[in-house]
Amino acid sequence: SDCSSPSSCNMVFNPSSGNTYGSSAYGIVFDVTIGLTHLYFYGLSLVLRQDAANAKVYIKSGSYTEDNDLLIWTKVFDGSIPKVGNKQDIEFDTRFLAEPLSTVAFYVSFTS
């Protein structure tokens, strides 16, 4: 189907590099390894290199390589991040609990 961004197709698009770019959509996907204790994720700091009208942040337990279906990911942020170059601290709409010694995947999708 024709999509304006990967997240509008309910999928993570990341064949190998960790980044996806288009004329009006781009993003990044990455894994985080959790240490010996539970960890709550409640926000993220971003530095934008170009204007972005909207951002969506998704999180899931397990690696992003295990499943690219965004319908099983938790959307924790959907909003505007207008400034370029400055660090932007975004607060998630909901906290995400990561289990000790687990992997958590993040997908941040931007549209301009």
N, C-alpha and C. Protein backbone atom coordinates (compact mmCIF):
# COMPACT_ATOMS: atom_id res chain seq x y z
N SER A 1 0.83 -1.19 0.00
CA SER A 1 0.00 0.00 0.00
C SER A 1 0.87 1.24 0.00
N ASP A 2 0.28 2.37 -0.29
CA ASP A 2 1.00 3.63 -0.34
C ASP A 2 0.94 4.29 1.04
N CYS A 3 2.09 4.55 1.64
CA CYS A 3 2.14 5.08 3.01
C CYS A 3 2.86 6.41 3.04
N SER A 4 2.38 7.31 3.88
CA SER A 4 3.08 8.58 4.05
C SER A 4 4.28 8.41 4.97
N SER A 5 4.25 7.43 5.85
CA SER A 5 5.38 7.12 6.72
C SER A 5 5.24 5.66 7.14
N PRO A 6 6.34 5.03 7.57
CA PRO A 6 6.23 3.63 7.99
C PRO A 6 5.20 3.39 9.08
N SER A 7 5.08 4.34 10.04
CA SER A 7 4.13 4.12 11.12
C SER A 7 2.68 4.19 10.65
N SER A 8 2.42 4.84 9.50
CA SER A 8 1.04 4.87 9.00
C SER A 8 0.66 3.52 8.38
N CYS A 9 1.64 2.67 8.15
CA CYS A 9 1.38 1.32 7.63
C CYS A 9 1.43 0.27 8.75
N ASN A 10 1.55 0.72 9.99
CA ASN A 10 1.65 -0.17 11.14
C ASN A 10 2.83 -1.12 11.04
N MET A 11 3.97 -0.60 10.60
CA MET A 11 5.17 -1.42 10.53
C MET A 11 6.40 -0.59 10.83
N VAL A 12 7.42 -1.29 11.33
CA VAL A 12 8.74 -0.69 11.51
C VAL A 12 9.52 -1.04 10.26
N PHE A 13 10.02 -0.03 9.59
CA PHE A 13 10.82 -0.27 8.39
C PHE A 13 12.26 0.01 8.73
N ASN A 14 13.07 -1.04 8.79
CA ASN A 14 14.48 -0.90 9.13
C ASN A 14 15.23 -2.10 8.61
N PRO A 15 15.55 -2.14 7.34
CA PRO A 15 16.18 -3.32 6.79
C PRO A 15 17.53 -3.66 7.40
N SER A 16 18.38 -2.67 7.68
CA SER A 16 19.68 -3.02 8.24
C SER A 16 20.36 -1.89 8.99
N SER A 17 20.09 -0.66 8.64
CA SER A 17 20.90 0.43 9.15
C SER A 17 20.43 1.02 10.47
N GLY A 18 19.21 0.76 10.88
CA GLY A 18 18.67 1.40 12.07
C GLY A 18 17.96 2.69 11.77
N ASN A 19 18.07 3.17 10.54
CA ASN A 19 17.42 4.42 10.15
C ASN A 19 16.52 4.20 8.94
N THR A 20 15.49 4.99 8.85
CA THR A 20 14.66 5.01 7.64
C THR A 20 14.42 6.46 7.27
N TYR A 21 14.55 6.77 5.99
CA TYR A 21 14.40 8.14 5.53
C TYR A 21 13.51 8.19 4.31
N GLY A 22 12.79 9.25 4.13
CA GLY A 22 12.02 9.51 2.93
C GLY A 22 11.92 11.01 2.77
N SER A 23 11.20 11.44 1.77
CA SER A 23 11.09 12.88 1.55
C SER A 23 10.35 13.57 2.68
N SER A 24 9.40 12.89 3.31
CA SER A 24 8.66 13.52 4.40
C SER A 24 8.55 12.63 5.63
N ALA A 25 9.21 11.48 5.63
CA ALA A 25 9.15 10.58 6.78
C ALA A 25 10.53 10.01 7.05
N TYR A 26 10.87 9.95 8.30
CA TYR A 26 12.14 9.35 8.69
C TYR A 26 12.05 8.90 10.13
N GLY A 27 12.98 8.06 10.54
CA GLY A 27 12.95 7.58 11.90
C GLY A 27 14.15 6.74 12.24
N ILE A 28 14.14 6.23 13.45
CA ILE A 28 15.22 5.38 13.91
C ILE A 28 14.64 4.31 14.84
N VAL A 29 15.24 3.15 14.78
CA VAL A 29 14.84 2.05 15.65
C VAL A 29 16.10 1.51 16.32
N PHE A 30 15.99 1.18 17.61
CA PHE A 30 17.15 0.69 18.33
C PHE A 30 16.70 -0.16 19.53
N ASP A 31 17.63 -0.99 20.01
CA ASP A 31 17.41 -1.82 21.19
C ASP A 31 18.18 -1.25 22.38
N VAL A 32 17.64 -1.49 23.57
CA VAL A 32 18.29 -1.12 24.82
C VAL A 32 18.33 -2.38 25.68
N THR A 33 19.50 -2.68 26.25
CA THR A 33 19.64 -3.83 27.15
C THR A 33 19.50 -3.33 28.58
N ILE A 34 18.63 -3.98 29.34
CA ILE A 34 18.31 -3.58 30.71
C ILE A 34 19.25 -4.31 31.68
N GLY A 35 19.64 -3.64 32.74
CA GLY A 35 20.53 -4.20 33.75
C GLY A 35 19.81 -5.11 34.74
N LEU A 36 20.26 -5.11 35.98
CA LEU A 36 19.80 -6.07 36.98
C LEU A 36 18.50 -5.69 37.69
N THR A 37 17.98 -4.49 37.46
CA THR A 37 16.75 -4.09 38.13
C THR A 37 15.70 -3.63 37.12
N HIS A 38 14.44 -3.61 37.57
CA HIS A 38 13.37 -3.08 36.73
C HIS A 38 13.70 -1.63 36.37
N LEU A 39 13.25 -1.20 35.21
CA LEU A 39 13.51 0.16 34.77
C LEU A 39 12.25 0.71 34.10
N TYR A 40 11.80 1.87 34.57
CA TYR A 40 10.67 2.56 33.95
C TYR A 40 11.20 3.56 32.93
N PHE A 41 10.64 3.53 31.73
CA PHE A 41 10.92 4.56 30.73
C PHE A 41 9.73 5.51 30.74
N TYR A 42 10.00 6.80 30.93
CA TYR A 42 8.93 7.79 30.99
C TYR A 42 9.17 8.97 30.06
N GLY A 43 10.30 8.96 29.35
CA GLY A 43 10.58 10.05 28.43
C GLY A 43 11.82 9.77 27.63
N LEU A 44 12.14 10.71 26.75
CA LEU A 44 13.27 10.56 25.85
C LEU A 44 13.78 11.95 25.49
N SER A 45 15.08 12.09 25.37
CA SER A 45 15.69 13.33 24.91
C SER A 45 16.12 13.17 23.46
N LEU A 46 15.75 14.12 22.63
CA LEU A 46 16.05 14.06 21.20
C LEU A 46 16.72 15.35 20.77
N VAL A 47 17.62 15.24 19.80
CA VAL A 47 18.19 16.40 19.12
C VAL A 47 17.86 16.23 17.65
N LEU A 48 17.03 17.12 17.12
CA LEU A 48 16.59 17.02 15.73
C LEU A 48 17.59 17.70 14.80
N ARG A 49 17.80 17.09 13.66
CA ARG A 49 18.71 17.65 12.66
C ARG A 49 17.95 18.32 11.51
N GLN A 50 16.63 18.20 11.52
CA GLN A 50 15.79 18.92 10.57
C GLN A 50 14.42 19.10 11.20
N ASP A 51 13.63 20.03 10.64
CA ASP A 51 12.31 20.29 11.19
C ASP A 51 11.45 19.03 11.14
N ALA A 52 10.69 18.83 12.18
CA ALA A 52 9.74 17.72 12.22
C ALA A 52 8.43 18.24 12.79
N ALA A 53 7.36 17.99 12.10
CA ALA A 53 6.06 18.44 12.57
C ALA A 53 5.53 17.52 13.66
N ASN A 54 5.69 16.22 13.45
CA ASN A 54 5.13 15.24 14.39
C ASN A 54 6.11 14.11 14.64
N ALA A 55 6.03 13.55 15.83
CA ALA A 55 6.84 12.39 16.19
C ALA A 55 5.95 11.37 16.87
N LYS A 56 6.25 10.11 16.63
CA LYS A 56 5.60 9.01 17.34
C LYS A 56 6.71 8.14 17.91
N VAL A 57 6.55 7.74 19.17
CA VAL A 57 7.52 6.87 19.82
C VAL A 57 6.79 5.60 20.24
N TYR A 58 7.36 4.48 19.84
CA TYR A 58 6.82 3.16 20.17
C TYR A 58 7.88 2.39 20.96
N ILE A 59 7.43 1.55 21.90
CA ILE A 59 8.32 0.70 22.69
C ILE A 59 7.71 -0.70 22.75
N LYS A 60 8.58 -1.70 22.81
CA LYS A 60 8.11 -3.07 23.04
C LYS A 60 9.19 -3.86 23.75
N SER A 61 8.78 -4.90 24.45
CA SER A 61 9.72 -5.84 25.04
C SER A 61 10.28 -6.72 23.94
N GLY A 62 11.57 -6.99 24.01
CA GLY A 62 12.23 -7.78 22.99
C GLY A 62 12.88 -6.89 21.95
N SER A 63 13.66 -7.49 21.08
CA SER A 63 14.39 -6.76 20.06
C SER A 63 13.48 -6.32 18.91
N TYR A 64 13.84 -5.22 18.27
CA TYR A 64 13.08 -4.78 17.09
C TYR A 64 13.21 -5.78 15.94
N THR A 65 14.25 -6.59 15.96
CA THR A 65 14.44 -7.56 14.88
C THR A 65 13.46 -8.74 14.98
N GLU A 66 12.80 -8.88 16.12
CA GLU A 66 11.88 -10.00 16.34
C GLU A 66 10.52 -9.79 15.70
N ASP A 67 10.07 -8.55 15.58
CA ASP A 67 8.75 -8.29 15.01
C ASP A 67 8.64 -6.83 14.62
N ASN A 68 8.23 -6.57 13.38
CA ASN A 68 8.11 -5.18 12.91
C ASN A 68 6.67 -4.72 12.83
N ASP A 69 5.74 -5.48 13.41
CA ASP A 69 4.32 -5.12 13.39
C ASP A 69 4.03 -4.15 14.53
N LEU A 70 3.81 -2.87 14.20
CA LEU A 70 3.59 -1.86 15.23
C LEU A 70 2.31 -2.07 16.03
N LEU A 71 1.43 -2.92 15.56
CA LEU A 71 0.20 -3.19 16.32
C LEU A 71 0.49 -3.89 17.64
N ILE A 72 1.67 -4.52 17.76
CA ILE A 72 2.01 -5.17 19.03
C ILE A 72 2.97 -4.30 19.86
N TRP A 73 3.39 -3.17 19.33
CA TRP A 73 4.22 -2.22 20.07
C TRP A 73 3.31 -1.29 20.88
N THR A 74 3.85 -0.66 21.91
CA THR A 74 3.11 0.31 22.71
C THR A 74 3.49 1.71 22.26
N LYS A 75 2.50 2.48 21.78
CA LYS A 75 2.77 3.88 21.42
C LYS A 75 2.76 4.69 22.71
N VAL A 76 3.90 5.32 23.01
CA VAL A 76 4.03 6.07 24.26
C VAL A 76 4.06 7.57 24.04
N PHE A 77 4.17 8.00 22.77
CA PHE A 77 4.16 9.43 22.48
C PHE A 77 3.67 9.64 21.06
N ASP A 78 2.83 10.66 20.88
CA ASP A 78 2.37 11.07 19.55
C ASP A 78 2.13 12.57 19.64
N GLY A 79 3.08 13.35 19.13
CA GLY A 79 2.93 14.79 19.27
C GLY A 79 3.92 15.56 18.45
N SER A 80 3.94 16.85 18.68
CA SER A 80 4.77 17.79 17.92
C SER A 80 6.10 18.02 18.61
N ILE A 81 7.17 18.08 17.81
CA ILE A 81 8.50 18.45 18.29
C ILE A 81 9.07 19.43 17.26
N PRO A 82 8.85 20.72 17.45
CA PRO A 82 9.15 21.67 16.39
C PRO A 82 10.58 22.18 16.27
N LYS A 83 11.37 22.13 17.32
CA LYS A 83 12.66 22.83 17.29
C LYS A 83 13.78 21.96 16.71
N VAL A 84 14.64 22.58 15.93
CA VAL A 84 15.80 21.91 15.35
C VAL A 84 17.04 22.28 16.16
N GLY A 85 17.92 21.32 16.37
CA GLY A 85 19.22 21.60 16.96
C GLY A 85 19.27 21.58 18.48
N ASN A 86 18.23 21.99 19.14
CA ASN A 86 18.22 21.97 20.60
C ASN A 86 17.74 20.63 21.12
N LYS A 87 18.23 20.26 22.30
CA LYS A 87 17.76 19.03 22.92
C LYS A 87 16.30 19.18 23.31
N GLN A 88 15.49 18.23 22.89
CA GLN A 88 14.07 18.23 23.21
C GLN A 88 13.78 17.09 24.18
N ASP A 89 13.26 17.40 25.34
CA ASP A 89 12.86 16.38 26.30
C ASP A 89 11.36 16.15 26.12
N ILE A 90 11.01 14.93 25.73
CA ILE A 90 9.60 14.61 25.57
C ILE A 90 9.19 13.65 26.69
N GLU A 91 8.01 13.88 27.20
CA GLU A 91 7.47 13.02 28.25
C GLU A 91 6.46 12.08 27.62
N PHE A 92 6.60 10.79 27.90
CA PHE A 92 5.70 9.80 27.34
C PHE A 92 4.30 9.94 27.94
N ASP A 93 3.31 9.54 27.18
CA ASP A 93 1.92 9.54 27.65
C ASP A 93 1.70 8.48 28.71
N THR A 94 2.51 7.43 28.68
CA THR A 94 2.41 6.35 29.64
C THR A 94 3.80 5.82 29.92
N ARG A 95 4.04 5.38 31.15
CA ARG A 95 5.35 4.79 31.48
C ARG A 95 5.41 3.36 30.93
N PHE A 96 6.61 2.92 30.65
CA PHE A 96 6.82 1.57 30.15
C PHE A 96 7.79 0.86 31.10
N LEU A 97 7.39 -0.28 31.65
CA LEU A 97 8.20 -1.04 32.59
C LEU A 97 9.01 -2.09 31.86
N ALA A 98 10.33 -2.04 32.04
CA ALA A 98 11.22 -3.04 31.46
C ALA A 98 11.68 -4.00 32.55
N GLU A 99 11.67 -5.27 32.24
CA GLU A 99 12.08 -6.30 33.18
C GLU A 99 13.61 -6.37 33.26
N PRO A 100 14.14 -6.81 34.41
CA PRO A 100 15.59 -6.96 34.54
C PRO A 100 16.15 -7.93 33.49
N LEU A 101 17.33 -7.63 33.00
CA LEU A 101 18.07 -8.48 32.06
C LEU A 101 17.30 -8.75 30.77
N SER A 102 16.48 -7.80 30.36
CA SER A 102 15.69 -7.96 29.14
C SER A 102 16.18 -6.99 28.07
N THR A 103 15.58 -7.06 26.92
CA THR A 103 15.84 -6.12 25.83
C THR A 103 14.55 -5.37 25.54
N VAL A 104 14.68 -4.08 25.32
CA VAL A 104 13.54 -3.23 24.98
C VAL A 104 13.86 -2.53 23.66
N ALA A 105 12.89 -2.53 22.74
CA ALA A 105 13.07 -1.89 21.45
C ALA A 105 12.34 -0.55 21.43
N PHE A 106 12.96 0.44 20.80
CA PHE A 106 12.37 1.75 20.58
C PHE A 106 12.26 2.00 19.09
N TYR A 107 11.17 2.61 18.67
CA TYR A 107 11.03 3.08 17.30
C TYR A 107 10.51 4.51 17.37
N VAL A 108 11.27 5.45 16.81
CA VAL A 108 10.88 6.85 16.79
C VAL A 108 10.68 7.22 15.33
N SER A 109 9.44 7.59 14.98
CA SER A 109 9.08 7.92 13.61
C SER A 109 8.72 9.40 13.53
N PHE A 110 9.29 10.09 12.55
CA PHE A 110 9.04 11.52 12.36
C PHE A 110 8.39 11.76 11.02
N THR A 111 7.49 12.74 10.96
CA THR A 111 6.96 13.22 9.69
C THR A 111 7.05 14.74 9.69
N SER A 112 7.32 15.29 8.53
CA SER A 112 7.44 16.75 8.46
C SER A 112 6.36 17.31 7.55
